[in-house]
Amino acid sequence: MVEEALIEPAEVQIAGRPDVLKEIDKITIPAEALENTEISSRTEVGIDVTPYLPENTKLVDESQKNIAVTISVSEGGSRRIHIPVSSIIPRELEEGLKVSFDSEQIELAFTGSEENLKKLDASKINVYIDMKDYNTPGKYQVVPVVEGYGDCQYKGEKINITVEKKSKKQEAEMIRQVVTIKNPTGLHLSPAGLLCKTAMQFECKITFQAKNSTGNAKSVLSILGACVKSGDEVEFIFEGEDEEAAAREIIEMIESGLGE
């Protein structure tokens, strides 16, 4: 897997007719240029760019025809994980707006070593969208912000979202409930894991607000990141078809101490 490719010099000057030059912003060197090169963890290759110059152009300085390409590679692979859209939190979304998606789940792409890829756990991955630039109704392409993928690399890919105004009916149907956390040490790993596992059994979106921040109840990382302590008040918001059942079970579980 290629981690990095450095080219020196990064730019060369070419000459040609003005109508030809205005259409050119890069020189493409095909992969075939490296086909006879044995690639190791870090390989430096010299390439003559002359054969790859766009038609009807030439180098201004012939001394620039040889470029140095340094390639760094690592052993590894890739993995894709599906995340339900009900687990995605739109942060800094203005009151009265809602976000919808093209499908019921999105696909996140990761690269890394086989060992690190095996460690990826969907329940520990936190996904949110920074909405500060998308608070006007409309359709947008955005790259989700992802946390909790360990030593892997996240390949940020755009997804489609639609921002709309909530109807009065939708506002009324949403369930909001404030609960006080009774666990002596707050929502540490064990109760956070139980809360997340329970929340993931429901299709509805389940978010919470604590200490002026919004979190995702279907993400262990999001729950732990809220640093909720014993005695803190947390507001849970349930939105979706099975919101009543979700609210009933989760609130009862919290009030009973989340297994502690």
C-alpha atoms as a PDB file:
ATOM      1  CA  MET A   1       0.000   0.000   0.000  1.00  0.00           C
ATOM      2  CA  VAL A   2       1.463   3.366  -1.037  1.00  0.00           C
ATOM      3  CA  GLU A   3       1.680   5.701   1.959  1.00  0.00           C
ATOM      4  CA  GLU A   4       3.396   8.642   0.288  1.00  0.00           C
ATOM      5  CA  ALA A   5       4.821   9.713  -3.072  1.00  0.00           C
ATOM      6  CA  LEU A   6       7.125  12.738  -3.213  1.00  0.00           C
ATOM      7  CA  ILE A   7       8.196  14.373  -6.485  1.00  0.00           C
ATOM      8  CA  GLU A   8      11.190  16.691  -6.837  1.00  0.00           C
ATOM      9  CA  PRO A   9      10.931  19.134  -8.457  1.00  0.00           C
ATOM     10  CA  ALA A  10       7.157  19.361  -7.928  1.00  0.00           C
ATOM     11  CA  GLU A  11       6.787  21.797 -10.853  1.00  0.00           C
ATOM     12  CA  VAL A  12       8.429  22.276 -14.256  1.00  0.00           C
ATOM     13  CA  GLN A  13       8.026  25.058 -16.810  1.00  0.00           C
ATOM     14  CA  ILE A  14       6.765  24.188 -20.275  1.00  0.00           C
ATOM     15  CA  ALA A  15       6.392  26.251 -23.439  1.00  0.00           C
ATOM     16  CA  GLY A  16       3.819  26.070 -26.226  1.00  0.00           C
ATOM     17  CA  ARG A  17       1.016  27.925 -27.933  1.00  0.00           C
ATOM     18  CA  PRO A  18      -1.165  29.963 -25.512  1.00  0.00           C
ATOM     19  CA  ASP A  19      -4.320  28.065 -26.507  1.00  0.00           C
ATOM     20  CA  VAL A  20      -2.574  24.776 -25.660  1.00  0.00           C
ATOM     21  CA  LEU A  21      -1.034  25.941 -22.375  1.00  0.00           C
ATOM     22  CA  LYS A  22      -4.273  27.299 -20.940  1.00  0.00           C
ATOM     23  CA  GLU A  23      -5.734  23.779 -20.958  1.00  0.00           C
ATOM     24  CA  ILE A  24      -2.811  22.255 -19.021  1.00  0.00           C
ATOM     25  CA  ASP A  25      -2.484  22.233 -15.238  1.00  0.00           C
ATOM     26  CA  LYS A  26      -0.562  18.996 -14.688  1.00  0.00           C
ATOM     27  CA  ILE A  27       1.634  16.358 -16.302  1.00  0.00           C
ATOM     28  CA  THR A  28       0.484  12.789 -15.814  1.00  0.00           C
ATOM     29  CA  ILE A  29       3.114  10.087 -15.417  1.00  0.00           C
ATOM     30  CA  PRO A  30       1.508   6.644 -15.881  1.00  0.00           C
ATOM     31  CA  ALA A  31       2.118   3.762 -13.498  1.00  0.00           C
ATOM     32  CA  GLU A  32       3.839   1.941 -16.367  1.00  0.00           C
ATOM     33  CA  ALA A  33       6.803   4.260 -15.874  1.00  0.00           C
ATOM     34  CA  LEU A  34       7.575   2.281 -12.706  1.00  0.00           C
ATOM     35  CA  GLU A  35       6.755  -1.205 -13.960  1.00  0.00           C
ATOM     36  CA  ASN A  36      10.388  -2.331 -14.137  1.00  0.00           C
ATOM     37  CA  THR A  37      11.240  -0.871 -10.746  1.00  0.00           C
ATOM     38  CA  GLU A  38      11.479  -3.056  -7.657  1.00  0.00           C
ATOM     39  CA  ILE A  39       9.541  -1.193  -4.965  1.00  0.00           C
ATOM     40  CA  SER A  40      10.661  -1.615  -1.348  1.00  0.00           C
ATOM     41  CA  SER A  41       9.544   0.199   1.802  1.00  0.00           C
ATOM     42  CA  ARG A  42      11.165   3.396   0.500  1.00  0.00           C
ATOM     43  CA  THR A  43      12.253   3.657  -3.127  1.00  0.00           C
ATOM     44  CA  GLU A  44      13.739   6.547  -5.097  1.00  0.00           C
ATOM     45  CA  VAL A  45      13.268   6.511  -8.875  1.00  0.00           C
ATOM     46  CA  GLY A  46      14.520   8.888 -11.560  1.00  0.00           C
ATOM     47  CA  ILE A  47      12.083   9.515 -14.424  1.00  0.00           C
ATOM     48  CA  ASP A  48      12.516  11.451 -17.673  1.00  0.00           C
ATOM     49  CA  VAL A  49       9.285  13.480 -18.061  1.00  0.00           C
ATOM     50  CA  THR A  50       9.922  14.337 -21.710  1.00  0.00           C
ATOM     51  CA  PRO A  51       7.814  11.437 -23.132  1.00  0.00           C
ATOM     52  CA  TYR A  52       4.881  12.493 -20.942  1.00  0.00           C
ATOM     53  CA  LEU A  53       4.720  16.164 -21.898  1.00  0.00           C
ATOM     54  CA  PRO A  54       1.382  17.218 -23.421  1.00  0.00           C
ATOM     55  CA  GLU A  55       1.317  17.360 -27.213  1.00  0.00           C
ATOM     56  CA  ASN A  56       2.782  20.503 -28.818  1.00  0.00           C
ATOM     57  CA  THR A  57       4.702  21.502 -25.685  1.00  0.00           C
ATOM     58  CA  LYS A  58       8.339  21.364 -24.583  1.00  0.00           C
ATOM     59  CA  LEU A  59      10.384  22.069 -21.480  1.00  0.00           C
ATOM     60  CA  VAL A  60      11.648  25.614 -21.024  1.00  0.00           C
ATOM     61  CA  ASP A  61      14.699  24.239 -19.224  1.00  0.00           C
ATOM     62  CA  GLU A  62      15.947  20.864 -20.482  1.00  0.00           C
ATOM     63  CA  SER A  63      17.810  20.338 -17.201  1.00  0.00           C
ATOM     64  CA  GLN A  64      14.404  19.776 -15.553  1.00  0.00           C
ATOM     65  CA  LYS A  65      13.578  16.718 -17.639  1.00  0.00           C
ATOM     66  CA  ASN A  66      14.736  14.285 -14.944  1.00  0.00           C
ATOM     67  CA  ILE A  67      12.601  14.235 -11.812  1.00  0.00           C
ATOM     68  CA  ALA A  68      13.079  12.214  -8.622  1.00  0.00           C
ATOM     69  CA  VAL A  69      10.130  10.216  -7.320  1.00  0.00           C
ATOM     70  CA  THR A  70      10.332   8.861  -3.755  1.00  0.00           C
ATOM     71  CA  ILE A  71       7.737   6.230  -2.901  1.00  0.00           C
ATOM     72  CA  SER A  72       7.009   4.987   0.616  1.00  0.00           C
ATOM     73  CA  VAL A  73       4.955   1.817   0.965  1.00  0.00           C
ATOM     74  CA  SER A  74       3.742  -0.356   3.810  1.00  0.00           C
ATOM     75  CA  GLU A  75       2.241  -3.789   3.993  1.00  0.00           C
ATOM     76  CA  GLY A  76      -1.445  -3.737   4.697  1.00  0.00           C
ATOM     77  CA  GLY A  77      -4.881  -3.686   3.218  1.00  0.00           C
ATOM     78  CA  SER A  78      -8.234  -1.963   3.391  1.00  0.00           C
ATOM     79  CA  ARG A  79     -11.548  -2.478   5.117  1.00  0.00           C
ATOM     80  CA  ARG A  80     -14.987  -0.940   4.761  1.00  0.00           C
ATOM     81  CA  ILE A  81     -17.375  -0.606   7.701  1.00  0.00           C
ATOM     82  CA  HIS A  82     -21.079   0.171   7.432  1.00  0.00           C
ATOM     83  CA  ILE A  83     -22.466   2.716   9.889  1.00  0.00           C
ATOM     84  CA  PRO A  84     -26.240   3.317  10.234  1.00  0.00           C
ATOM     85  CA  VAL A  85     -27.137   6.944   9.540  1.00  0.00           C
ATOM     86  CA  SER A  86     -29.065   7.000  12.815  1.00  0.00           C
ATOM     87  CA  SER A  87     -25.632   6.946  14.486  1.00  0.00           C
ATOM     88  CA  ILE A  88     -24.380  10.079  12.696  1.00  0.00           C
ATOM     89  CA  ILE A  89     -24.575  13.291  14.711  1.00  0.00           C
ATOM     90  CA  PRO A  90     -24.963  16.646  12.913  1.00  0.00           C
ATOM     91  CA  ARG A  91     -23.036  19.090  15.114  1.00  0.00           C
ATOM     92  CA  GLU A  92     -23.785  22.821  15.174  1.00  0.00           C
ATOM     93  CA  LEU A  93     -27.061  22.256  13.337  1.00  0.00           C
ATOM     94  CA  GLU A  94     -29.387  25.185  13.860  1.00  0.00           C
ATOM     95  CA  GLU A  95     -32.638  24.657  15.771  1.00  0.00           C
ATOM     96  CA  GLY A  96     -35.564  23.706  13.554  1.00  0.00           C
ATOM     97  CA  LEU A  97     -33.479  21.976  10.869  1.00  0.00           C
ATOM     98  CA  LYS A  98     -32.993  18.279  10.182  1.00  0.00           C
ATOM     99  CA  VAL A  99     -30.529  16.253   8.127  1.00  0.00           C
ATOM    100  CA  SER A 100     -31.476  13.271   5.970  1.00  0.00           C
ATOM    101  CA  PHE A 101     -29.365  10.840   3.941  1.00  0.00           C
ATOM    102  CA  ASP A 102     -29.669   8.975   0.643  1.00  0.00           C
ATOM    103  CA  SER A 103     -29.572   5.551   2.323  1.00  0.00           C
ATOM    104  CA  GLU A 104     -29.991   3.903   5.718  1.00  0.00           C
ATOM    105  CA  GLN A 105     -26.256   3.462   6.194  1.00  0.00           C
ATOM    106  CA  ILE A 106     -22.955   4.880   4.969  1.00  0.00           C
ATOM    107  CA  GLU A 107     -19.740   3.063   4.154  1.00  0.00           C
ATOM    108  CA  LEU A 108     -16.461   4.179   5.711  1.00  0.00           C
ATOM    109  CA  ALA A 109     -13.164   3.144   4.119  1.00  0.00           C
ATOM    110  CA  PHE A 110     -10.025   2.482   6.157  1.00  0.00           C
ATOM    111  CA  THR A 111      -6.508   1.358   5.297  1.00  0.00           C
ATOM    112  CA  GLY A 112      -3.751  -0.017   7.484  1.00  0.00           C
ATOM    113  CA  SER A 113      -2.026  -3.177   8.589  1.00  0.00           C
ATOM    114  CA  GLU A 114      -4.077  -6.358   8.724  1.00  0.00           C
ATOM    115  CA  GLU A 115      -3.662  -6.438  12.500  1.00  0.00           C
ATOM    116  CA  ASN A 116      -4.966  -2.881  12.968  1.00  0.00           C
ATOM    117  CA  LEU A 117      -7.831  -3.385  10.520  1.00  0.00           C
ATOM    118  CA  LYS A 118      -9.010  -6.422  12.488  1.00  0.00           C
ATOM    119  CA  LYS A 119      -9.191  -4.277  15.634  1.00  0.00           C
ATOM    120  CA  LEU A 120     -11.716  -1.861  14.099  1.00  0.00           C
ATOM    121  CA  ASP A 121     -14.950  -1.952  16.089  1.00  0.00           C
ATOM    122  CA  ALA A 122     -18.016  -0.206  14.659  1.00  0.00           C
ATOM    123  CA  SER A 123     -19.417   0.399  18.152  1.00  0.00           C
ATOM    124  CA  LYS A 124     -16.322   2.425  19.070  1.00  0.00           C
ATOM    125  CA  ILE A 125     -16.329   4.553  15.935  1.00  0.00           C
ATOM    126  CA  ASN A 126     -17.871   7.991  16.361  1.00  0.00           C
ATOM    127  CA  VAL A 127     -19.159   9.748  13.231  1.00  0.00           C
ATOM    128  CA  TYR A 128     -20.402  13.305  13.015  1.00  0.00           C
ATOM    129  CA  ILE A 129     -20.892  16.063  10.450  1.00  0.00           C
ATOM    130  CA  ASP A 130     -19.743  19.606  11.131  1.00  0.00           C
ATOM    131  CA  MET A 131     -22.825  21.556  10.030  1.00  0.00           C
ATOM    132  CA  LYS A 132     -21.601  25.123  10.588  1.00  0.00           C
ATOM    133  CA  ASP A 133     -21.336  25.688   6.810  1.00  0.00           C
ATOM    134  CA  TYR A 134     -24.546  23.816   5.936  1.00  0.00           C
ATOM    135  CA  ASN A 135     -27.295  25.537   7.922  1.00  0.00           C
ATOM    136  CA  THR A 136     -29.297  26.560   4.866  1.00  0.00           C
ATOM    137  CA  PRO A 137     -31.860  24.081   3.454  1.00  0.00           C
ATOM    138  CA  GLY A 138     -30.466  22.312   0.408  1.00  0.00           C
ATOM    139  CA  LYS A 139     -28.455  19.333  -0.843  1.00  0.00           C
ATOM    140  CA  TYR A 140     -24.761  19.022  -0.003  1.00  0.00           C
ATOM    141  CA  GLN A 141     -21.782  16.695  -0.362  1.00  0.00           C
ATOM    142  CA  VAL A 142     -19.807  16.455   2.859  1.00  0.00           C
ATOM    143  CA  VAL A 143     -16.999  14.390   4.329  1.00  0.00           C
ATOM    144  CA  PRO A 144     -17.991  12.932   7.731  1.00  0.00           C
ATOM    145  CA  VAL A 145     -15.618  13.417  10.641  1.00  0.00           C
ATOM    146  CA  VAL A 146     -14.651  10.031  12.071  1.00  0.00           C
ATOM    147  CA  GLU A 147     -13.098   9.243  15.454  1.00  0.00           C
ATOM    148  CA  GLY A 148     -12.058   6.012  17.116  1.00  0.00           C
ATOM    149  CA  TYR A 149     -10.325   4.121  14.294  1.00  0.00           C
ATOM    150  CA  GLY A 150      -7.083   3.543  16.179  1.00  0.00           C
ATOM    151  CA  ASP A 151      -3.895   3.268  14.139  1.00  0.00           C
ATOM    152  CA  CYS A 152      -5.672   2.855  10.802  1.00  0.00           C
ATOM    153  CA  GLN A 153      -6.053   5.588   8.200  1.00  0.00           C
ATOM    154  CA  TYR A 154      -9.488   6.937   7.307  1.00  0.00           C
ATOM    155  CA  LYS A 155     -10.108   7.616   3.621  1.00  0.00           C
ATOM    156  CA  GLY A 156     -12.495  10.541   3.816  1.00  0.00           C
ATOM    157  CA  GLU A 157     -15.137  10.057   1.125  1.00  0.00           C
ATOM    158  CA  LYS A 158     -18.004  12.460   0.463  1.00  0.00           C
ATOM    159  CA  ILE A 159     -21.600  11.508   1.213  1.00  0.00           C
ATOM    160  CA  ASN A 160     -24.829  13.208   0.159  1.00  0.00           C
ATOM    161  CA  ILE A 161     -27.001  14.943   2.741  1.00  0.00           C
ATOM    162  CA  THR A 162     -30.178  16.995   2.547  1.00  0.00           C
ATOM    163  CA  VAL A 163     -30.893  19.792   5.013  1.00  0.00           C
ATOM    164  CA  GLU A 164     -34.573  20.612   5.541  1.00  0.00           C
ATOM    165  CA  LYS A 165     -36.756  22.506   7.961  1.00  0.00           C
ATOM    166  CA  LYS A 166     -38.549  20.332  10.515  1.00  0.00           C
ATOM    167  CA  SER A 167     -42.313  20.364  10.406  1.00  0.00           C
ATOM    168  CA  LYS A 168     -44.257  21.210  13.567  1.00  0.00           C
ATOM    169  CA  LYS A 169     -45.426  17.596  13.641  1.00  0.00           C
ATOM    170  CA  GLN A 170     -41.854  16.299  13.611  1.00  0.00           C
ATOM    171  CA  GLU A 171     -40.905  18.673  16.414  1.00  0.00           C
ATOM    172  CA  ALA A 172     -43.853  17.443  18.482  1.00  0.00           C
ATOM    173  CA  GLU A 173     -43.172  13.741  17.888  1.00  0.00           C
ATOM    174  CA  MET A 174     -39.563  13.880  19.058  1.00  0.00           C
ATOM    175  CA  ILE A 175     -39.090  12.474  22.576  1.00  0.00           C
ATOM    176  CA  ARG A 176     -36.863  14.429  24.970  1.00  0.00           C
ATOM    177  CA  GLN A 177     -36.178  13.293  28.500  1.00  0.00           C
ATOM    178  CA  VAL A 178     -33.753  14.492  31.159  1.00  0.00           C
ATOM    179  CA  VAL A 179     -32.241  11.934  33.540  1.00  0.00           C
ATOM    180  CA  THR A 180     -29.743  12.135  36.381  1.00  0.00           C
ATOM    181  CA  ILE A 181     -26.769   9.775  36.210  1.00  0.00           C
ATOM    182  CA  LYS A 182     -26.663   7.668  39.379  1.00  0.00           C
ATOM    183  CA  ASN A 183     -23.515   5.636  38.756  1.00  0.00           C
ATOM    184  CA  PRO A 184     -20.951   6.485  41.491  1.00  0.00           C
ATOM    185  CA  THR A 185     -18.142   6.968  38.967  1.00  0.00           C
ATOM    186  CA  GLY A 186     -20.274   8.330  36.124  1.00  0.00           C
ATOM    187  CA  LEU A 187     -20.439   6.889  32.612  1.00  0.00           C
ATOM    188  CA  HIS A 188     -17.116   5.064  32.504  1.00  0.00           C
ATOM    189  CA  LEU A 189     -16.326   2.217  30.085  1.00  0.00           C
ATOM    190  CA  SER A 190     -18.626  -0.483  31.481  1.00  0.00           C
ATOM    191  CA  PRO A 191     -21.912   1.500  31.734  1.00  0.00           C
ATOM    192  CA  ALA A 192     -21.066   3.406  28.540  1.00  0.00           C
ATOM    193  CA  GLY A 193     -20.651   0.106  26.714  1.00  0.00           C
ATOM    194  CA  LEU A 194     -23.984  -1.190  28.012  1.00  0.00           C
ATOM    195  CA  LEU A 195     -25.746   2.046  27.059  1.00  0.00           C
ATOM    196  CA  CYS A 196     -24.254   1.954  23.564  1.00  0.00           C
ATOM    197  CA  LYS A 197     -25.072  -1.735  23.064  1.00  0.00           C
ATOM    198  CA  THR A 198     -28.694  -1.117  24.071  1.00  0.00           C
ATOM    199  CA  ALA A 199     -29.051   1.981  21.900  1.00  0.00           C
ATOM    200  CA  MET A 200     -27.785   0.108  18.834  1.00  0.00           C
ATOM    201  CA  GLN A 201     -30.699  -2.313  19.102  1.00  0.00           C
ATOM    202  CA  PHE A 202     -33.067   0.445  17.986  1.00  0.00           C
ATOM    203  CA  GLU A 203     -33.479   2.037  14.566  1.00  0.00           C
ATOM    204  CA  CYS A 204     -34.271   5.537  15.799  1.00  0.00           C
ATOM    205  CA  LYS A 205     -31.664   8.240  16.225  1.00  0.00           C
ATOM    206  CA  ILE A 206     -30.610   8.565  19.867  1.00  0.00           C
ATOM    207  CA  THR A 207     -28.554  11.571  20.882  1.00  0.00           C
ATOM    208  CA  PHE A 208     -27.834  13.183  24.211  1.00  0.00           C
ATOM    209  CA  GLN A 209     -26.885  16.615  25.440  1.00  0.00           C
ATOM    210  CA  ALA A 210     -24.557  17.015  28.393  1.00  0.00           C
ATOM    211  CA  LYS A 211     -22.467  20.002  29.462  1.00  0.00           C
ATOM    212  CA  ASN A 212     -23.428  22.025  26.376  1.00  0.00           C
ATOM    213  CA  SER A 213     -22.264  19.307  23.984  1.00  0.00           C
ATOM    214  CA  THR A 214     -24.176  16.829  21.817  1.00  0.00           C
ATOM    215  CA  GLY A 215     -23.238  13.163  21.687  1.00  0.00           C
ATOM    216  CA  ASN A 216     -24.234   9.942  19.991  1.00  0.00           C
ATOM    217  CA  ALA A 217     -25.655   7.261  22.294  1.00  0.00           C
ATOM    218  CA  LYS A 218     -24.696   4.601  19.739  1.00  0.00           C
ATOM    219  CA  SER A 219     -20.991   5.360  20.086  1.00  0.00           C
ATOM    220  CA  VAL A 220     -18.943   4.335  23.126  1.00  0.00           C
ATOM    221  CA  LEU A 221     -16.324   6.922  22.212  1.00  0.00           C
ATOM    222  CA  SER A 222     -18.923   9.693  22.093  1.00  0.00           C
ATOM    223  CA  ILE A 223     -20.330   8.710  25.488  1.00  0.00           C
ATOM    224  CA  LEU A 224     -16.906   8.508  27.125  1.00  0.00           C
ATOM    225  CA  GLY A 225     -15.882  11.789  25.503  1.00  0.00           C
ATOM    226  CA  ALA A 226     -18.763  13.598  27.217  1.00  0.00           C
ATOM    227  CA  CYS A 227     -17.087  12.931  30.617  1.00  0.00           C
ATOM    228  CA  VAL A 228     -20.439  12.500  32.368  1.00  0.00           C
ATOM    229  CA  LYS A 229     -20.062  12.270  36.147  1.00  0.00           C
ATOM    230  CA  SER A 230     -22.328  10.991  38.889  1.00  0.00           C
ATOM    231  CA  GLY A 231     -25.114  13.474  39.545  1.00  0.00           C
ATOM    232  CA  ASP A 232     -24.907  15.102  36.099  1.00  0.00           C
ATOM    233  CA  GLU A 233     -28.151  15.740  34.252  1.00  0.00           C
ATOM    234  CA  VAL A 234     -28.269  14.436  30.690  1.00  0.00           C
ATOM    235  CA  GLU A 235     -31.003  15.083  28.150  1.00  0.00           C
ATOM    236  CA  PHE A 236     -31.691  12.212  25.755  1.00  0.00           C
ATOM    237  CA  ILE A 237     -33.425  12.839  22.413  1.00  0.00           C
ATOM    238  CA  PHE A 238     -35.162   9.982  20.592  1.00  0.00           C
ATOM    239  CA  GLU A 239     -36.283  10.462  17.014  1.00  0.00           C
ATOM    240  CA  GLY A 240     -37.657   7.715  14.751  1.00  0.00           C
ATOM    241  CA  GLU A 241     -40.190   4.926  14.374  1.00  0.00           C
ATOM    242  CA  ASP A 242     -39.275   2.976  17.522  1.00  0.00           C
ATOM    243  CA  GLU A 243     -38.473   6.049  19.634  1.00  0.00           C
ATOM    244  CA  GLU A 244     -41.014   5.219  22.340  1.00  0.00           C
ATOM    245  CA  ALA A 245     -39.636   1.734  22.957  1.00  0.00           C
ATOM    246  CA  ALA A 246     -36.070   3.050  22.879  1.00  0.00           C
ATOM    247  CA  ALA A 247     -36.848   5.853  25.329  1.00  0.00           C
ATOM    248  CA  ARG A 248     -38.623   3.512  27.720  1.00  0.00           C
ATOM    249  CA  GLU A 249     -35.829   0.913  27.824  1.00  0.00           C
ATOM    250  CA  ILE A 250     -32.871   3.286  27.925  1.00  0.00           C
ATOM    251  CA  ILE A 251     -34.309   5.626  30.553  1.00  0.00           C
ATOM    252  CA  GLU A 252     -35.265   2.667  32.772  1.00  0.00           C
ATOM    253  CA  MET A 253     -31.761   1.235  32.365  1.00  0.00           C
ATOM    254  CA  ILE A 254     -30.107   4.535  33.305  1.00  0.00           C
ATOM    255  CA  GLU A 255     -32.354   5.032  36.322  1.00  0.00           C
ATOM    256  CA  SER A 256     -31.531   1.521  37.505  1.00  0.00           C
ATOM    257  CA  GLY A 257     -27.792   2.259  37.391  1.00  0.00           C
ATOM    258  CA  LEU A 258     -26.763   0.665  34.072  1.00  0.00           C
ATOM    259  CA  GLY A 259     -25.916  -2.663  35.648  1.00  0.00           C
ATOM    260  CA  GLU A 260     -23.950  -1.283  38.610  1.00  0.00           C
END
